[in-house]
Amino acid sequence: MVQRPFWLSLIEQQWQRRSVVWLRGVRRVGKTCLAQSLEHVEYFDCELPRVRRAMEDPEAFFARLRGKRLVLDEVHRLPNPSELLKIAADHFPDVRVVATGSSTLGASARFRDTLAGRKADVWLTPMIEADLEAFGNADLTHRLLHGGLPPFFLSPELPEREFQEWMDAYWAKDIQELFRLEKRASFQRFVELLLAQSGGLFEATRFATPCEVSRTTIQNYLAVLEATAVAIIVRPFSSRRSHEIIAAPKVYGFDTGFVCAHRGWTELRRDDLGILWEHFVLNELLAHTQAATVRYWRDKQGHEVDFVLVPRRGPVLALECKWSTRDFDPAGLRAFARNYPKARLLVVTTDARPSFRRQWDEHTVEFVSLSEAVAVVAAEK
C-alpha cells in the first residue's frame, strides 16, 4: 500500500484537535486506501449491510471499541450518519474516528447535523506534488494529462473510458443518492461544458440554453458541484474600486485529467501546459491550506492575476502561474501592484530553480518553485 506522508501527517494533526476527522474528497481520489494506511486502525465499510446493522446502536458499537482508532468508510451510506458521529464526538472522545465520504457534511438532507465544533476536516484533493514521489512517477506532464486520481494516474495508457465511467458513477452514487436531481442529460451536459471551459469566467446564462434549463437551475447545479468538490469556485478579489471586476467568479474543474478529457486532449502540446499548470497550482494551494480562500484579480482593462490570497498576517499575496519563466508578462502583476503597493508578487513556475527576483519599476517580482510558493503561503496564513 502506497504511503502518502503529507496526508497521513495531516490526519494525525487533526486528530490532535478533534476525535472525529471527516475525510472528504471526490470518488476514487484515494480516501479508502489513505485511511487504511493509518497505523493501528480498524476498518468498517458502511456499504456492507452487516456493518450498518452493527451501528444501529451507536452507543453499544463505540463502547466495544474504546481507545481504538476507527475508519468508517462511506459513512454517508448510513441512515443517520451525523447522529453516529455526534455520539462518537460527545460520549466517546477516546475513540479516534476517520469518517470518509464523497460529499461534504451538510451537502444533503441526510446529514441533519453538520457537527460544527465536533469534527476536524481533511480535504483530500487530487494528487499533489509530494504524492508524485510516493507513487513512483515524478513526470509532471503525465500527472497533468492522466489527472490526480491514483488509479488513473497509475494507468500506463490514457484511461479515456474510465473518465466516462467515473462520471456515470458520480451521477448514480453521489448526485442521485444525495441530491436527487432530475434531468440527468442537462446536468451532465453542464458538467461537460464546465470542464471544457475550466479556468474561465463563469456566467450562468451562457450555460442555460445549451443545457436546456433555467439560469437558476444552472446556479443550483454549480452549487452541487462545489459541495461535492467537482468544481472549485474562485471569486474575485477587490477593494470595490470602480475599475475592478467584483462579481464574476472563475470556475475550475477539480482535476486536470478530466479537463484534458473534456477538451479532447490525448497528448499535451506546449501551449496546453500553462492552463493545466494553473490548475495544478490551485490544487496544491487548496491541499496545503485546506481552509484558505483563494481569489483572483482582474480589472476592466483586462489585466489579471491568477490567484490572490489574503493571509491573517503579512501582505496580500499575488500569484501568477507560468509553466516557464519565459512565458511571463509582467503587465498583470504590475497593474495589481499599482493598486496594492504592499502586496508580495510571486511567479510560480516549473523552472525557477533556484528562485530569483526581477525588478519592474519600483515593484519586485519573485520567481519561485511551487514548493517555495506553498511555503510562503503556509508561513503567512
Protein backbone atom coordinates (compact mmCIF):
# COMPACT_ATOMS: atom_id res chain seq x y z
CA MET A 1 0.00 0.00 0.00
CA VAL A 2 1.36 3.42 -1.01
CA GLN A 3 2.28 5.63 1.92
CA ARG A 4 1.37 9.30 1.45
CA PRO A 5 3.26 11.10 4.24
CA PHE A 6 1.76 14.56 3.76
CA TRP A 7 -1.82 13.33 4.10
CA LEU A 8 -1.11 10.85 6.90
CA SER A 9 0.58 13.60 8.90
CA LEU A 10 -2.35 15.95 8.27
CA ILE A 11 -4.86 13.42 9.61
CA GLU A 12 -2.73 12.79 12.69
CA GLN A 13 -2.51 16.56 13.30
CA GLN A 14 -6.28 16.90 13.04
CA TRP A 15 -6.77 14.02 15.47
CA GLN A 16 -4.91 16.14 17.99
CA ARG A 17 -7.68 18.75 17.64
CA ARG A 18 -10.77 16.56 17.47
CA SER A 19 -11.56 12.88 17.99
CA VAL A 20 -13.61 12.80 14.76
CA VAL A 21 -11.97 13.62 11.43
CA TRP A 22 -14.09 13.96 8.32
CA LEU A 23 -12.00 12.87 5.30
CA ARG A 24 -13.71 14.17 2.20
CA GLY A 25 -12.90 14.13 -1.45
CA VAL A 26 -14.24 13.05 -4.81
CA ARG A 27 -14.83 9.46 -5.83
CA ARG A 28 -11.62 7.43 -6.38
CA VAL A 29 -9.34 10.13 -5.01
CA GLY A 30 -7.88 7.57 -2.60
CA LYS A 31 -9.77 8.11 0.66
CA THR A 32 -10.17 4.42 1.48
CA CYS A 33 -6.54 3.49 0.81
CA LEU A 34 -5.28 6.52 2.69
CA ALA A 35 -7.44 5.79 5.74
CA GLN A 36 -6.46 2.11 5.74
CA SER A 37 -2.76 3.06 5.65
CA LEU A 38 -3.03 4.83 9.02
CA GLU A 39 -1.30 2.90 11.78
CA HIS A 40 -3.36 0.66 14.09
CA VAL A 41 -6.81 1.33 12.65
CA GLU A 42 -9.87 -0.89 12.48
CA TYR A 43 -11.74 -0.58 9.21
CA PHE A 44 -15.53 -0.60 8.73
CA ASP A 45 -17.13 -0.41 5.29
CA CYS A 46 -20.52 1.25 5.73
CA GLU A 47 -21.69 -0.01 2.35
CA LEU A 48 -21.96 -3.52 3.85
CA PRO A 49 -25.34 -4.40 5.41
CA ARG A 50 -23.74 -6.26 8.34
CA VAL A 51 -21.68 -3.17 9.20
CA ARG A 52 -24.73 -0.94 9.08
CA ARG A 53 -26.58 -3.37 11.36
CA ALA A 54 -23.71 -3.27 13.84
CA MET A 55 -24.06 0.53 14.01
CA GLU A 56 -27.79 0.57 14.63
CA ASP A 57 -26.98 1.00 18.33
CA PRO A 58 -24.15 3.59 18.21
CA GLU A 59 -23.50 3.54 21.98
CA ALA A 60 -23.02 -0.21 22.06
CA PHE A 61 -20.89 -0.05 18.92
CA PHE A 62 -18.45 2.53 20.29
CA ALA A 63 -18.44 1.03 23.82
CA ARG A 64 -16.82 -2.10 22.38
CA LEU A 65 -14.12 -0.01 20.71
CA ARG A 66 -12.89 2.30 23.47
CA GLY A 67 -9.36 3.52 22.92
CA LYS A 68 -9.36 2.34 19.30
CA ARG A 69 -8.71 4.15 16.03
CA LEU A 70 -11.52 3.56 13.53
CA VAL A 71 -12.16 4.13 9.85
CA LEU A 72 -15.84 4.46 8.97
CA ASP A 73 -15.71 4.33 5.18
CA GLU A 74 -18.56 5.74 3.06
CA VAL A 75 -20.33 6.84 6.23
CA HIS A 76 -22.98 8.71 4.25
CA ARG A 77 -24.49 5.28 3.42
CA LEU A 78 -25.83 5.14 6.98
CA PRO A 79 -29.44 6.24 7.63
CA ASN A 80 -28.32 8.99 10.03
CA PRO A 81 -24.54 9.42 9.81
CA SER A 82 -24.43 12.72 11.68
CA GLU A 83 -26.08 11.18 14.76
CA LEU A 84 -23.49 8.39 14.85
CA LEU A 85 -20.56 10.82 14.58
CA LYS A 86 -22.10 13.18 17.13
CA ILE A 87 -22.36 10.36 19.67
CA ALA A 88 -18.74 9.42 19.00
CA ALA A 89 -17.55 13.01 19.47
CA ASP A 90 -19.63 13.77 22.58
CA HIS A 91 -19.58 10.50 24.50
CA PHE A 92 -16.56 8.51 23.30
CA PRO A 93 -13.70 11.02 22.93
CA ASP A 94 -11.15 8.25 23.48
CA VAL A 95 -12.28 6.64 20.21
CA ARG A 96 -10.47 8.19 17.25
CA VAL A 97 -12.65 8.17 14.12
CA VAL A 98 -11.89 8.89 10.49
CA ALA A 99 -15.14 9.08 8.55
CA THR A 100 -14.97 9.21 4.76
CA GLY A 101 -17.43 10.34 2.13
CA SER A 102 -17.63 11.84 -1.33
CA SER A 103 -19.72 14.80 -0.22
CA THR A 104 -19.24 17.48 2.38
CA LEU A 105 -21.23 17.26 5.56
CA GLY A 106 -24.39 19.28 5.23
CA ALA A 107 -24.45 18.93 1.45
CA SER A 108 -27.60 16.82 1.59
CA ALA A 109 -30.60 16.35 3.82
CA ARG A 110 -29.20 13.05 5.07
CA PHE A 111 -26.83 14.99 7.32
CA ARG A 112 -29.15 16.54 9.88
CA ASP A 113 -26.26 18.00 11.90
CA THR A 114 -23.07 19.40 10.35
CA LEU A 115 -21.14 18.59 13.56
CA ALA A 116 -19.76 22.10 13.81
CA GLY A 117 -17.20 22.21 16.62
CA ARG A 118 -17.17 18.43 16.95
CA LYS A 119 -15.08 17.38 13.97
CA ALA A 120 -11.97 18.34 12.06
CA ASP A 121 -11.97 18.30 8.26
CA VAL A 122 -9.37 16.97 5.85
CA TRP A 123 -9.99 17.65 2.17
CA LEU A 124 -8.15 15.00 0.14
CA THR A 125 -7.54 16.71 -3.18
CA PRO A 126 -6.24 15.01 -6.33
CA MET A 127 -2.56 14.12 -6.12
CA ILE A 128 -0.20 16.92 -5.11
CA GLU A 129 3.48 17.36 -5.88
CA ALA A 130 4.54 15.34 -2.82
CA ASP A 131 2.42 12.40 -3.99
CA LEU A 132 4.29 12.00 -7.28
CA GLU A 133 7.33 10.57 -5.50
CA ALA A 134 5.15 8.38 -3.27
CA PHE A 135 3.54 6.85 -6.36
CA GLY A 136 6.90 6.40 -8.08
CA ASN A 137 6.37 8.71 -11.05
CA ALA A 138 7.65 12.28 -10.92
CA ASP A 139 6.63 13.05 -14.53
CA LEU A 140 4.51 16.18 -14.14
CA THR A 141 3.15 16.10 -17.69
CA HIS A 142 1.89 12.56 -17.05
CA ARG A 143 0.13 13.83 -13.92
CA LEU A 144 -1.44 16.71 -15.85
CA LEU A 145 -2.75 14.51 -18.68
CA HIS A 146 -3.84 11.46 -16.64
CA GLY A 147 -5.04 13.52 -13.69
CA GLY A 148 -4.59 13.11 -9.96
CA LEU A 149 -6.93 10.24 -9.13
CA PRO A 150 -4.48 7.47 -8.22
CA PRO A 151 -5.90 4.65 -10.40
CA PHE A 152 -6.00 6.97 -13.42
CA PHE A 153 -2.52 8.31 -12.71
CA LEU A 154 -1.11 4.79 -12.40
CA SER A 155 -2.61 3.65 -15.70
CA PRO A 156 0.13 3.32 -18.34
CA GLU A 157 -2.41 4.16 -21.06
CA LEU A 158 -4.67 7.20 -21.07
CA PRO A 159 -7.79 5.99 -19.21
CA GLU A 160 -10.34 7.57 -21.55
CA ARG A 161 -13.11 5.05 -20.85
CA GLU A 162 -12.58 5.39 -17.09
CA PHE A 163 -13.26 9.13 -17.21
CA GLN A 164 -16.78 8.46 -18.52
CA GLU A 165 -17.34 5.57 -16.10
CA TRP A 166 -16.39 7.93 -13.26
CA MET A 167 -18.97 10.46 -14.46
CA ASP A 168 -21.66 7.77 -14.60
CA ALA A 169 -20.86 6.62 -11.06
CA TYR A 170 -20.78 10.21 -9.83
CA TRP A 171 -24.31 10.74 -11.12
CA ALA A 172 -25.65 7.44 -9.79
CA LYS A 173 -23.98 7.31 -6.37
CA ASP A 174 -23.32 10.92 -5.41
CA ILE A 175 -25.87 13.07 -7.20
CA GLN A 176 -28.90 10.78 -7.22
CA GLU A 177 -28.46 9.35 -3.73
CA LEU A 178 -27.51 12.60 -2.01
CA PHE A 179 -29.27 15.31 -4.02
CA ARG A 180 -31.86 13.56 -6.20
CA LEU A 181 -31.53 15.95 -9.11
CA GLU A 182 -33.63 15.44 -12.21
CA LYS A 183 -32.65 15.89 -15.86
CA ARG A 184 -29.53 13.79 -15.99
CA ALA A 185 -28.77 14.84 -19.58
CA SER A 186 -28.88 18.54 -18.67
CA PHE A 187 -26.70 18.09 -15.60
CA GLN A 188 -24.09 16.02 -17.41
CA ARG A 189 -24.05 18.45 -20.33
CA PHE A 190 -23.37 21.24 -17.86
CA VAL A 191 -20.50 19.31 -16.27
CA GLU A 192 -19.00 18.58 -19.70
CA LEU A 193 -19.17 22.23 -20.76
CA LEU A 194 -17.81 23.43 -17.43
CA LEU A 195 -14.81 21.10 -17.62
CA ALA A 196 -14.14 22.06 -21.23
CA GLN A 197 -14.12 25.76 -20.24
CA SER A 198 -12.38 25.20 -16.90
CA GLY A 199 -10.47 28.19 -15.58
CA GLY A 200 -12.62 30.75 -17.36
CA LEU A 201 -15.03 33.38 -16.10
CA PHE A 202 -18.41 31.90 -15.23
CA GLU A 203 -21.73 33.32 -16.36
CA ALA A 204 -24.74 31.07 -15.70
CA THR A 205 -26.76 32.44 -18.62
CA ARG A 206 -24.20 31.10 -21.13
CA PHE A 207 -24.88 27.54 -19.96
CA ALA A 208 -28.68 27.71 -19.69
CA THR A 209 -29.53 27.41 -23.39
CA PRO A 210 -27.21 24.51 -24.35
CA CYS A 211 -28.26 22.63 -21.20
CA GLU A 212 -31.97 23.41 -21.78
CA VAL A 213 -32.59 24.59 -18.23
CA SER A 214 -33.07 27.92 -16.50
CA ARG A 215 -30.32 30.18 -15.18
CA THR A 216 -31.47 29.36 -11.64
CA THR A 217 -31.08 25.63 -12.33
CA ILE A 218 -27.55 26.22 -13.64
CA GLN A 219 -26.70 28.02 -10.40
CA ASN A 220 -28.13 25.09 -8.43
CA TYR A 221 -26.05 22.64 -10.49
CA LEU A 222 -22.92 24.69 -9.77
CA ALA A 223 -23.70 24.67 -6.03
CA VAL A 224 -23.93 20.86 -6.14
CA LEU A 225 -20.61 20.60 -7.98
CA GLU A 226 -18.97 22.89 -5.43
CA ALA A 227 -20.44 20.91 -2.50
CA THR A 228 -19.03 17.68 -3.92
CA ALA A 229 -15.65 19.33 -4.78
CA VAL A 230 -16.03 18.68 -8.52
CA ALA A 231 -15.95 22.41 -9.21
CA ILE A 232 -13.69 24.92 -7.49
CA ILE A 233 -15.13 28.43 -7.46
CA VAL A 234 -12.55 31.22 -7.31
CA ARG A 235 -14.20 34.55 -6.62
CA PRO A 236 -12.72 37.97 -7.43
CA PHE A 237 -10.54 39.90 -5.02
CA SER A 238 -11.18 43.62 -4.86
CA SER A 239 -11.49 46.62 -2.61
CA ARG A 240 -14.51 47.67 -4.70
CA ARG A 241 -12.62 50.09 -6.89
CA SER A 242 -14.68 51.10 -9.91
CA HIS A 243 -12.22 49.57 -12.39
CA GLU A 244 -12.08 46.11 -10.74
CA ILE A 245 -14.16 43.03 -11.52
CA ILE A 246 -16.13 42.39 -8.33
CA ALA A 247 -18.79 39.78 -9.17
CA ALA A 248 -17.97 37.22 -11.85
CA PRO A 249 -16.22 34.12 -10.46
CA LYS A 250 -13.82 31.81 -12.24
CA VAL A 251 -14.65 28.11 -12.07
CA TYR A 252 -12.08 25.32 -12.25
CA GLY A 253 -12.66 21.62 -12.77
CA PHE A 254 -11.41 19.51 -9.89
CA ASP A 255 -8.82 17.52 -11.86
CA THR A 256 -6.56 18.14 -14.84
CA GLY A 257 -7.22 14.68 -16.28
CA PHE A 258 -10.93 15.40 -16.61
CA VAL A 259 -10.19 18.84 -18.06
CA CYS A 260 -7.99 17.24 -20.72
CA ALA A 261 -10.56 14.54 -21.45
CA HIS A 262 -13.38 17.04 -21.96
CA ARG A 263 -11.18 19.24 -24.14
CA GLY A 264 -10.32 16.23 -26.28
CA TRP A 265 -6.62 16.32 -25.44
CA THR A 266 -4.90 12.94 -25.71
CA GLU A 267 -1.43 14.47 -25.95
CA LEU A 268 -0.18 17.72 -24.48
CA ARG A 269 1.27 20.48 -26.64
CA ARG A 270 3.48 23.20 -25.24
CA ASP A 271 0.54 25.64 -25.41
CA ASP A 272 -1.64 23.36 -23.25
CA LEU A 273 0.71 23.27 -20.30
CA GLY A 274 0.08 26.78 -18.97
CA ILE A 275 -3.61 26.37 -18.12
CA LEU A 276 -3.02 22.88 -16.69
CA TRP A 277 -0.17 24.18 -14.54
CA GLU A 278 -2.55 26.85 -13.24
CA HIS A 279 -4.99 24.09 -12.22
CA PHE A 280 -2.18 22.13 -10.57
CA VAL A 281 -1.00 25.15 -8.57
CA LEU A 282 -4.56 25.81 -7.37
CA ASN A 283 -4.89 22.16 -6.31
CA GLU A 284 -1.63 22.43 -4.36
CA LEU A 285 -2.71 25.61 -2.60
CA LEU A 286 -6.03 24.07 -1.56
CA ALA A 287 -4.36 20.89 -0.32
CA HIS A 288 -1.80 22.68 1.84
CA THR A 289 -4.01 25.41 3.23
CA GLN A 290 -7.27 23.41 3.46
CA ALA A 291 -9.32 26.37 4.70
CA ALA A 292 -7.72 29.23 2.77
CA THR A 293 -9.86 31.35 0.47
CA VAL A 294 -8.19 31.68 -2.92
CA ARG A 295 -9.25 34.63 -5.09
CA TYR A 296 -8.29 36.02 -8.47
CA TRP A 297 -7.95 39.65 -9.57
CA ARG A 298 -8.96 41.34 -12.78
CA ASP A 299 -9.59 44.93 -13.83
CA LYS A 300 -11.80 46.24 -16.59
CA GLN A 301 -8.78 46.88 -18.80
CA GLY A 302 -8.12 43.13 -18.93
CA HIS A 303 -5.17 42.95 -16.52
CA GLU A 304 -5.39 39.79 -14.45
CA VAL A 305 -3.62 37.91 -11.65
CA ASP A 306 -4.27 34.18 -11.41
CA PHE A 307 -4.57 33.85 -7.63
CA VAL A 308 -4.68 36.22 -4.67
CA LEU A 309 -4.52 35.17 -1.02
CA VAL A 310 -5.05 37.39 2.00
CA PRO A 311 -3.08 35.97 4.96
CA ARG A 312 -4.04 36.61 8.55
CA ARG A 313 -0.69 38.28 8.91
CA GLY A 314 1.67 39.69 6.35
CA PRO A 315 0.97 41.30 2.99
CA VAL A 316 -1.51 40.23 0.34
CA LEU A 317 -0.01 37.52 -1.89
CA ALA A 318 -0.47 37.76 -5.65
CA LEU A 319 0.50 34.63 -7.62
CA GLU A 320 0.94 34.23 -11.35
CA CYS A 321 1.28 30.67 -12.66
CA LYS A 322 3.59 30.14 -15.62
CA TRP A 323 4.93 26.88 -16.97
CA SER A 324 8.21 28.63 -17.80
CA THR A 325 9.73 31.93 -16.76
CA ARG A 326 9.92 32.96 -20.41
CA ASP A 327 6.11 32.87 -20.59
CA PHE A 328 5.76 35.65 -18.02
CA ASP A 329 4.29 39.02 -18.96
CA PRO A 330 4.59 41.47 -16.04
CA ALA A 331 1.57 43.60 -17.04
CA GLY A 332 -0.93 41.88 -14.72
CA LEU A 333 1.24 41.92 -11.60
CA ARG A 334 2.35 45.49 -12.27
CA ALA A 335 -1.27 46.65 -12.56
CA PHE A 336 -2.13 44.82 -9.35
CA ALA A 337 0.86 46.34 -7.55
CA ARG A 338 -0.18 49.84 -8.56
CA ASN A 339 -3.48 49.24 -6.74
CA TYR A 340 -1.98 47.26 -3.85
CA PRO A 341 1.59 48.52 -3.42
CA LYS A 342 2.26 46.47 -0.27
CA ALA A 343 1.43 43.15 -1.95
CA ARG A 344 4.03 40.43 -2.34
CA LEU A 345 4.30 39.40 -6.01
CA LEU A 346 5.14 35.80 -6.92
CA VAL A 347 5.50 33.97 -10.22
CA VAL A 348 5.18 30.21 -9.69
CA THR A 349 7.00 28.28 -12.41
CA THR A 350 8.47 24.85 -13.09
CA ASP A 351 11.93 26.21 -13.86
CA ALA A 352 12.66 28.75 -11.09
CA ARG A 353 15.39 26.61 -9.58
CA PRO A 354 16.94 28.36 -7.79
CA SER A 355 14.46 31.14 -7.13
CA PHE A 356 15.33 34.66 -8.21
CA ARG A 357 13.94 38.22 -8.32
CA ARG A 358 13.38 40.81 -11.00
CA GLN A 359 12.51 44.47 -10.73
CA TRP A 360 9.88 46.32 -12.77
CA ASP A 361 9.80 49.99 -11.87
CA GLU A 362 9.52 50.01 -8.06
CA HIS A 363 7.93 46.55 -7.98
CA THR A 364 9.89 43.40 -7.08
CA VAL A 365 8.66 40.11 -8.55
CA GLU A 366 9.85 36.81 -7.07
CA PHE A 367 10.16 33.76 -9.33
CA VAL A 368 9.73 30.62 -7.21
CA SER A 369 9.03 26.91 -7.44
CA LEU A 370 5.69 25.50 -6.38
CA SER A 371 7.07 24.15 -3.11
CA GLU A 372 8.56 27.57 -2.29
CA ALA A 373 5.24 29.27 -3.05
CA VAL A 374 3.41 26.86 -0.77
CA ALA A 375 5.96 27.53 1.98
CA VAL A 376 5.35 31.30 1.66
CA VAL A 377 1.57 30.79 1.87
CA ALA A 378 1.87 28.44 4.85
CA ALA A 379 4.19 30.81 6.72
CA GLU A 380 1.83 33.74 6.43
CA LYS A 381 -1.62 32.13 6.66
